[in-house]
Amino acid sequence: MSSRETERPVLNATRARQGRWGRHIFWVLVFGTLLAALGMFAAWTWKSADEGPAGAAQETVDGRGFGAPEPPPPNPQNP
C-alpha cells in the first residue's frame, strides 16, 4: 500500500453519502420554489384570459340528456 491511501479519512457508507446542509442549499430551494410558483401563476393568468368571466363559457343544459330518447319504464320482477 502506498502512503497516499492510508492518509485518507475513513468514513462509513452512510456518512459518505450524506450531503452538507448550508445556506447555498437553502437559497437554491427557496429560489427554485419561488420560480416554480411564479411559472404556475404566469401560466394560470395567461390561460385564464382565454376563458373570460367565470361561468361565461359554460353551456346551459335543460336536463333532457342532449336529445337522447326516454328510457323504457322499469320492469318489476317478482322474486
PDB file of N, CA and C in Angstrom:
ATOM      1  N   MET A   1       0.822  -1.184   0.000  1.00  0.00           N
ATOM      2  CA  MET A   1       0.000   0.000   0.000  1.00  0.00           C
ATOM      3  C   MET A   1       0.867   1.249   0.000  1.00  0.00           C
ATOM      4  N   SER A   2       0.384   2.239  -0.697  1.00  0.00           N
ATOM      5  CA  SER A   2       1.128   3.496  -0.714  1.00  0.00           C
ATOM      6  C   SER A   2       0.719   4.345   0.478  1.00  0.00           C
ATOM      7  N   SER A   3       1.514   5.336   0.793  1.00  0.00           N
ATOM      8  CA  SER A   3       1.208   6.204   1.928  1.00  0.00           C
ATOM      9  C   SER A   3       0.017   7.114   1.623  1.00  0.00           C
ATOM     10  N   ARG A   4      -0.255   7.313   0.343  1.00  0.00           N
ATOM     11  CA  ARG A   4      -1.377   8.167  -0.043  1.00  0.00           C
ATOM     12  C   ARG A   4      -2.710   7.536   0.358  1.00  0.00           C
ATOM     13  N   GLU A   5      -2.865   6.241   0.245  1.00  0.00           N
ATOM     14  CA  GLU A   5      -4.115   5.577   0.590  1.00  0.00           C
ATOM     15  C   GLU A   5      -4.365   5.572   2.092  1.00  0.00           C
ATOM     16  N   THR A   6      -3.357   5.526   2.890  1.00  0.00           N
ATOM     17  CA  THR A   6      -3.551   5.478   4.336  1.00  0.00           C
ATOM     18  C   THR A   6      -3.823   6.846   4.939  1.00  0.00           C
ATOM     19  N   GLU A   7      -3.559   7.920   4.222  1.00  0.00           N
ATOM     20  CA  GLU A   7      -3.782   9.260   4.749  1.00  0.00           C
ATOM     21  C   GLU A   7      -5.231   9.720   4.630  1.00  0.00           C
ATOM     22  N   ARG A   8      -6.020   9.048   3.842  1.00  0.00           N
ATOM     23  CA  ARG A   8      -7.416   9.437   3.654  1.00  0.00           C
ATOM     24  C   ARG A   8      -8.234   9.100   4.890  1.00  0.00           C
ATOM     25  N   PRO A   9      -9.191   9.967   5.227  1.00  0.00           N
ATOM     26  CA  PRO A   9     -10.065   9.630   6.366  1.00  0.00           C
ATOM     27  C   PRO A   9     -10.999   8.492   5.980  1.00  0.00           C
ATOM     28  N   VAL A  10     -11.291   7.653   6.917  1.00  0.00           N
ATOM     29  CA  VAL A  10     -12.163   6.505   6.679  1.00  0.00           C
ATOM     30  C   VAL A  10     -13.563   6.861   7.170  1.00  0.00           C
ATOM     31  N   LEU A  11     -14.535   6.781   6.270  1.00  0.00           N
ATOM     32  CA  LEU A  11     -15.933   7.062   6.598  1.00  0.00           C
ATOM     33  C   LEU A  11     -16.770   5.843   6.275  1.00  0.00           C
ATOM     34  N   ASN A  12     -17.807   5.621   7.080  1.00  0.00           N
ATOM     35  CA  ASN A  12     -18.713   4.526   6.726  1.00  0.00           C
ATOM     36  C   ASN A  12     -19.590   4.973   5.552  1.00  0.00           C
ATOM     37  N   ALA A  13     -20.353   4.047   4.968  1.00  0.00           N
ATOM     38  CA  ALA A  13     -21.112   4.328   3.741  1.00  0.00           C
ATOM     39  C   ALA A  13     -22.190   5.383   3.960  1.00  0.00           C
ATOM     40  N   THR A  14     -22.862   5.345   5.121  1.00  0.00           N
ATOM     41  CA  THR A  14     -23.931   6.313   5.382  1.00  0.00           C
ATOM     42  C   THR A  14     -23.370   7.730   5.480  1.00  0.00           C
ATOM     43  N   ARG A  15     -22.296   7.895   6.189  1.00  0.00           N
ATOM     44  CA  ARG A  15     -21.699   9.220   6.351  1.00  0.00           C
ATOM     45  C   ARG A  15     -21.157   9.737   5.019  1.00  0.00           C
ATOM     46  N   ALA A  16     -20.619   8.869   4.198  1.00  0.00           N
ATOM     47  CA  ALA A  16     -20.054   9.294   2.917  1.00  0.00           C
ATOM     48  C   ALA A  16     -21.135   9.740   1.945  1.00  0.00           C
ATOM     49  N   ARG A  17     -22.355   9.218   2.053  1.00  0.00           N
ATOM     50  CA  ARG A  17     -23.432   9.565   1.128  1.00  0.00           C
ATOM     51  C   ARG A  17     -24.174  10.830   1.531  1.00  0.00           C
ATOM     52  N   GLN A  18     -24.009  11.286   2.744  1.00  0.00           N
ATOM     53  CA  GLN A  18     -24.756  12.447   3.205  1.00  0.00           C
ATOM     54  C   GLN A  18     -24.153  13.724   2.639  1.00  0.00           C
ATOM     55  N   GLY A  19     -25.041  14.617   2.188  1.00  0.00           N
ATOM     56  CA  GLY A  19     -24.593  15.901   1.684  1.00  0.00           C
ATOM     57  C   GLY A  19     -24.509  16.926   2.800  1.00  0.00           C
ATOM     58  N   ARG A  20     -23.907  18.010   2.523  1.00  0.00           N
ATOM     59  CA  ARG A  20     -23.783  19.075   3.509  1.00  0.00           C
ATOM     60  C   ARG A  20     -24.956  20.025   3.386  1.00  0.00           C
ATOM     61  N   TRP A  21     -25.475  20.434   4.523  1.00  0.00           N
ATOM     62  CA  TRP A  21     -26.523  21.443   4.552  1.00  0.00           C
ATOM     63  C   TRP A  21     -25.867  22.785   4.798  1.00  0.00           C
ATOM     64  N   GLY A  22     -26.263  23.745   4.032  1.00  0.00           N
ATOM     65  CA  GLY A  22     -25.706  25.074   4.209  1.00  0.00           C
ATOM     66  C   GLY A  22     -26.637  26.115   3.642  1.00  0.00           C
ATOM     67  N   ARG A  23     -26.185  27.323   3.656  1.00  0.00           N
ATOM     68  CA  ARG A  23     -27.011  28.417   3.151  1.00  0.00           C
ATOM     69  C   ARG A  23     -27.219  28.319   1.652  1.00  0.00           C
ATOM     70  N   HIS A  24     -26.232  27.830   0.919  1.00  0.00           N
ATOM     71  CA  HIS A  24     -26.406  27.753  -0.534  1.00  0.00           C
ATOM     72  C   HIS A  24     -27.502  26.771  -0.906  1.00  0.00           C
ATOM     73  N   ILE A  25     -27.637  25.667  -0.190  1.00  0.00           N
ATOM     74  CA  ILE A  25     -28.721  24.714  -0.460  1.00  0.00           C
ATOM     75  C   ILE A  25     -30.069  25.351  -0.127  1.00  0.00           C
ATOM     76  N   PHE A  26     -30.125  26.064   0.980  1.00  0.00           N
ATOM     77  CA  PHE A  26     -31.356  26.736   1.368  1.00  0.00           C
ATOM     78  C   PHE A  26     -31.810  27.725   0.301  1.00  0.00           C
ATOM     79  N   TRP A  27     -30.891  28.536  -0.218  1.00  0.00           N
ATOM     80  CA  TRP A  27     -31.260  29.538  -1.218  1.00  0.00           C
ATOM     81  C   TRP A  27     -31.629  28.903  -2.546  1.00  0.00           C
ATOM     82  N   VAL A  28     -30.998  27.806  -2.899  1.00  0.00           N
ATOM     83  CA  VAL A  28     -31.395  27.098  -4.124  1.00  0.00           C
ATOM     84  C   VAL A  28     -32.825  26.585  -3.989  1.00  0.00           C
ATOM     85  N   LEU A  29     -33.164  26.025  -2.832  1.00  0.00           N
ATOM     86  CA  LEU A  29     -34.530  25.536  -2.619  1.00  0.00           C
ATOM     87  C   LEU A  29     -35.539  26.682  -2.606  1.00  0.00           C
ATOM     88  N   VAL A  30     -35.194  27.794  -1.974  1.00  0.00           N
ATOM     89  CA  VAL A  30     -36.120  28.930  -1.905  1.00  0.00           C
ATOM     90  C   VAL A  30     -36.365  29.511  -3.296  1.00  0.00           C
ATOM     91  N   PHE A  31     -35.294  29.779  -4.036  1.00  0.00           N
ATOM     92  CA  PHE A  31     -35.470  30.376  -5.369  1.00  0.00           C
ATOM     93  C   PHE A  31     -36.111  29.396  -6.353  1.00  0.00           C
ATOM     94  N   GLY A  32     -35.810  28.116  -6.221  1.00  0.00           N
ATOM     95  CA  GLY A  32     -36.454  27.129  -7.086  1.00  0.00           C
ATOM     96  C   GLY A  32     -37.947  27.062  -6.843  1.00  0.00           C
ATOM     97  N   THR A  33     -38.344  27.095  -5.576  1.00  0.00           N
ATOM     98  CA  THR A  33     -39.768  27.079  -5.238  1.00  0.00           C
ATOM     99  C   THR A  33     -40.465  28.353  -5.715  1.00  0.00           C
ATOM    100  N   LEU A  34     -39.816  29.480  -5.530  1.00  0.00           N
ATOM    101  CA  LEU A  34     -40.405  30.745  -5.989  1.00  0.00           C
ATOM    102  C   LEU A  34     -40.541  30.792  -7.504  1.00  0.00           C
ATOM    103  N   LEU A  35     -39.539  30.299  -8.211  1.00  0.00           N
ATOM    104  CA  LEU A  35     -39.634  30.280  -9.676  1.00  0.00           C
ATOM    105  C   LEU A  35     -40.737  29.341 -10.157  1.00  0.00           C
ATOM    106  N   ALA A  36     -40.891  28.204  -9.494  1.00  0.00           N
ATOM    107  CA  ALA A  36     -41.964  27.282  -9.863  1.00  0.00           C
ATOM    108  C   ALA A  36     -43.331  27.918  -9.605  1.00  0.00           C
ATOM    109  N   ALA A  37     -43.490  28.590  -8.463  1.00  0.00           N
ATOM    110  CA  ALA A  37     -44.755  29.257  -8.156  1.00  0.00           C
ATOM    111  C   ALA A  37     -45.023  30.389  -9.140  1.00  0.00           C
ATOM    112  N   LEU A  38     -44.005  31.143  -9.482  1.00  0.00           N
ATOM    113  CA  LEU A  38     -44.161  32.224 -10.456  1.00  0.00           C
ATOM    114  C   LEU A  38     -44.549  31.674 -11.825  1.00  0.00           C
ATOM    115  N   GLY A  39     -43.953  30.573 -12.227  1.00  0.00           N
ATOM    116  CA  GLY A  39     -44.308  29.953 -13.506  1.00  0.00           C
ATOM    117  C   GLY A  39     -45.739  29.447 -13.521  1.00  0.00           C
ATOM    118  N   MET A  40     -46.186  28.844 -12.414  1.00  0.00           N
ATOM    119  CA  MET A  40     -47.577  28.371 -12.345  1.00  0.00           C
ATOM    120  C   MET A  40     -48.550  29.556 -12.386  1.00  0.00           C
ATOM    121  N   PHE A  41     -48.227  30.632 -11.687  1.00  0.00           N
ATOM    122  CA  PHE A  41     -49.092  31.817 -11.701  1.00  0.00           C
ATOM    123  C   PHE A  41     -49.133  32.442 -13.089  1.00  0.00           C
ATOM    124  N   ALA A  42     -47.983  32.502 -13.754  1.00  0.00           N
ATOM    125  CA  ALA A  42     -47.947  33.071 -15.103  1.00  0.00           C
ATOM    126  C   ALA A  42     -48.764  32.223 -16.075  1.00  0.00           C
ATOM    127  N   ALA A  43     -48.663  30.914 -15.986  1.00  0.00           N
ATOM    128  CA  ALA A  43     -49.446  30.042 -16.868  1.00  0.00           C
ATOM    129  C   ALA A  43     -50.937  30.174 -16.585  1.00  0.00           C
ATOM    130  N   TRP A  44     -51.289  30.284 -15.300  1.00  0.00           N
ATOM    131  CA  TRP A  44     -52.698  30.434 -14.942  1.00  0.00           C
ATOM    132  C   TRP A  44     -53.262  31.744 -15.475  1.00  0.00           C
ATOM    133  N   THR A  45     -52.526  32.843 -15.315  1.00  0.00           N
ATOM    134  CA  THR A  45     -53.030  34.125 -15.802  1.00  0.00           C
ATOM    135  C   THR A  45     -53.079  34.174 -17.326  1.00  0.00           C
ATOM    136  N   TRP A  46     -52.140  33.523 -17.978  1.00  0.00           N
ATOM    137  CA  TRP A  46     -52.121  33.520 -19.434  1.00  0.00           C
ATOM    138  C   TRP A  46     -53.324  32.762 -19.993  1.00  0.00           C
ATOM    139  N   LYS A  47     -53.647  31.603 -19.401  1.00  0.00           N
ATOM    140  CA  LYS A  47     -54.767  30.816 -19.904  1.00  0.00           C
ATOM    141  C   LYS A  47     -56.109  31.323 -19.390  1.00  0.00           C
ATOM    142  N   SER A  48     -56.153  32.010 -18.260  1.00  0.00           N
ATOM    143  CA  SER A  48     -57.435  32.485 -17.747  1.00  0.00           C
ATOM    144  C   SER A  48     -57.982  33.629 -18.598  1.00  0.00           C
ATOM    145  N   ALA A  49     -57.132  34.307 -19.329  1.00  0.00           N
ATOM    146  CA  ALA A  49     -57.600  35.388 -20.197  1.00  0.00           C
ATOM    147  C   ALA A  49     -58.418  34.833 -21.365  1.00  0.00           C
ATOM    148  N   ASP A  50     -58.180  33.582 -21.747  1.00  0.00           N
ATOM    149  CA  ASP A  50     -58.925  32.964 -22.847  1.00  0.00           C
ATOM    150  C   ASP A  50     -60.351  32.621 -22.460  1.00  0.00           C
ATOM    151  N   GLU A  51     -60.611  32.392 -21.191  1.00  0.00           N
ATOM    152  CA  GLU A  51     -61.912  31.903 -20.754  1.00  0.00           C
ATOM    153  C   GLU A  51     -62.917  33.003 -20.457  1.00  0.00           C
ATOM    154  N   GLY A  52     -62.489  34.205 -20.233  1.00  0.00           N
ATOM    155  CA  GLY A  52     -63.411  35.299 -19.930  1.00  0.00           C
ATOM    156  C   GLY A  52     -63.885  35.228 -18.493  1.00  0.00           C
ATOM    157  N   PRO A  53     -65.002  35.885 -18.184  1.00  0.00           N
ATOM    158  CA  PRO A  53     -65.501  35.864 -16.812  1.00  0.00           C
ATOM    159  C   PRO A  53     -65.928  34.461 -16.395  1.00  0.00           C
ATOM    160  N   ALA A  54     -65.953  34.233 -15.119  1.00  0.00           N
ATOM    161  CA  ALA A  54     -66.310  32.910 -14.603  1.00  0.00           C
ATOM    162  C   ALA A  54     -67.738  32.561 -14.992  1.00  0.00           C
ATOM    163  N   GLY A  55     -67.922  31.371 -15.531  1.00  0.00           N
ATOM    164  CA  GLY A  55     -69.241  30.887 -15.899  1.00  0.00           C
ATOM    165  C   GLY A  55     -69.702  31.302 -17.277  1.00  0.00           C
ATOM    166  N   ALA A  56     -68.990  32.159 -17.965  1.00  0.00           N
ATOM    167  CA  ALA A  56     -69.441  32.636 -19.273  1.00  0.00           C
ATOM    168  C   ALA A  56     -69.278  31.565 -20.348  1.00  0.00           C
ATOM    169  N   ALA A  57     -68.322  30.664 -20.182  1.00  0.00           N
ATOM    170  CA  ALA A  57     -68.053  29.666 -21.211  1.00  0.00           C
ATOM    171  C   ALA A  57     -68.857  28.389 -21.007  1.00  0.00           C
ATOM    172  N   GLN A  58     -69.685  28.319 -19.976  1.00  0.00           N
ATOM    173  CA  GLN A  58     -70.445  27.104 -19.712  1.00  0.00           C
ATOM    174  C   GLN A  58     -71.741  27.102 -20.512  1.00  0.00           C
ATOM    175  N   GLU A  59     -72.118  25.920 -20.948  1.00  0.00           N
ATOM    176  CA  GLU A  59     -73.368  25.774 -21.696  1.00  0.00           C
ATOM    177  C   GLU A  59     -74.535  25.600 -20.733  1.00  0.00           C
ATOM    178  N   THR A  60     -75.701  25.984 -21.199  1.00  0.00           N
ATOM    179  CA  THR A  60     -76.908  25.763 -20.417  1.00  0.00           C
ATOM    180  C   THR A  60     -77.511  24.432 -20.845  1.00  0.00           C
ATOM    181  N   VAL A  61     -77.756  23.567 -19.880  1.00  0.00           N
ATOM    182  CA  VAL A  61     -78.311  22.241 -20.154  1.00  0.00           C
ATOM    183  C   VAL A  61     -79.688  22.186 -19.524  1.00  0.00           C
ATOM    184  N   ASP A  62     -80.654  21.728 -20.296  1.00  0.00           N
ATOM    185  CA  ASP A  62     -82.016  21.686 -19.778  1.00  0.00           C
ATOM    186  C   ASP A  62     -82.374  20.339 -19.160  1.00  0.00           C
ATOM    187  N   GLY A  63     -81.466  19.401 -19.113  1.00  0.00           N
ATOM    188  CA  GLY A  63     -81.713  18.135 -18.440  1.00  0.00           C
ATOM    189  C   GLY A  63     -82.364  17.074 -19.309  1.00  0.00           C
ATOM    190  N   ARG A  64     -82.455  17.278 -20.597  1.00  0.00           N
ATOM    191  CA  ARG A  64     -83.089  16.290 -21.459  1.00  0.00           C
ATOM    192  C   ARG A  64     -82.097  15.268 -21.980  1.00  0.00           C
ATOM    193  N   GLY A  65     -80.896  15.286 -21.547  1.00  0.00           N
ATOM    194  CA  GLY A  65     -79.928  14.270 -21.973  1.00  0.00           C
ATOM    195  C   GLY A  65     -79.413  14.501 -23.373  1.00  0.00           C
ATOM    196  N   PHE A  66     -79.346  15.721 -23.832  1.00  0.00           N
ATOM    197  CA  PHE A  66     -78.798  16.058 -25.147  1.00  0.00           C
ATOM    198  C   PHE A  66     -79.529  15.343 -26.279  1.00  0.00           C
ATOM    199  N   GLY A  67     -80.833  15.276 -26.195  1.00  0.00           N
ATOM    200  CA  GLY A  67     -81.634  14.711 -27.280  1.00  0.00           C
ATOM    201  C   GLY A  67     -81.719  13.193 -27.254  1.00  0.00           C
ATOM    202  N   ALA A  68     -81.321  12.557 -26.187  1.00  0.00           N
ATOM    203  CA  ALA A  68     -81.423  11.098 -26.093  1.00  0.00           C
ATOM    204  C   ALA A  68     -82.883  10.706 -25.873  1.00  0.00           C
ATOM    205  N   PRO A  69     -83.287   9.543 -26.363  1.00  0.00           N
ATOM    206  CA  PRO A  69     -84.680   9.125 -26.166  1.00  0.00           C
ATOM    207  C   PRO A  69     -84.949   8.788 -24.698  1.00  0.00           C
ATOM    208  N   GLU A  70     -86.220   8.800 -24.340  1.00  0.00           N
ATOM    209  CA  GLU A  70     -86.624   8.476 -22.978  1.00  0.00           C
ATOM    210  C   GLU A  70     -86.287   7.012 -22.679  1.00  0.00           C
ATOM    211  N   PRO A  71     -85.828   6.722 -21.487  1.00  0.00           N
ATOM    212  CA  PRO A  71     -85.561   5.323 -21.156  1.00  0.00           C
ATOM    213  C   PRO A  71     -86.868   4.557 -20.994  1.00  0.00           C
ATOM    214  N   PRO A  72     -86.840   3.261 -21.231  1.00  0.00           N
ATOM    215  CA  PRO A  72     -88.074   2.474 -21.066  1.00  0.00           C
ATOM    216  C   PRO A  72     -88.453   2.405 -19.585  1.00  0.00           C
ATOM    217  N   PRO A  73     -89.769   2.181 -19.331  1.00  0.00           N
ATOM    218  CA  PRO A  73     -90.200   2.083 -17.935  1.00  0.00           C
ATOM    219  C   PRO A  73     -89.596   0.830 -17.292  1.00  0.00           C
ATOM    220  N   PRO A  74     -89.392   0.860 -15.991  1.00  0.00           N
ATOM    221  CA  PRO A  74     -88.797  -0.300 -15.333  1.00  0.00           C
ATOM    222  C   PRO A  74     -89.733  -1.498 -15.373  1.00  0.00           C
ATOM    223  N   ASN A  75     -89.164  -2.667 -15.456  1.00  0.00           N
ATOM    224  CA  ASN A  75     -89.910  -3.927 -15.444  1.00  0.00           C
ATOM    225  C   ASN A  75     -89.873  -4.515 -14.045  1.00  0.00           C
ATOM    226  N   PRO A  76     -90.961  -4.461 -13.305  1.00  0.00           N
ATOM    227  CA  PRO A  76     -90.928  -5.069 -11.978  1.00  0.00           C
ATOM    228  C   PRO A  76     -90.837  -6.589 -12.104  1.00  0.00           C
ATOM    229  N   GLN A  77     -89.956  -7.181 -11.334  1.00  0.00           N
ATOM    230  CA  GLN A  77     -89.798  -8.640 -11.352  1.00  0.00           C
ATOM    231  C   GLN A  77     -90.216  -9.205 -10.006  1.00  0.00           C
ATOM    232  N   ASN A  78     -90.965 -10.294 -10.055  1.00  0.00           N
ATOM    233  CA  ASN A  78     -91.389 -10.958  -8.824  1.00  0.00           C
ATOM    234  C   ASN A  78     -90.326 -11.962  -8.391  1.00  0.00           C
ATOM    235  N   PRO A  79     -89.982 -11.959  -7.113  1.00  0.00           N
ATOM    236  CA  PRO A  79     -88.956 -12.919  -6.673  1.00  0.00           C
ATOM    237  C   PRO A  79     -89.455 -14.325  -6.573  1.00  0.00           C
TER     238      PRO A  79
END
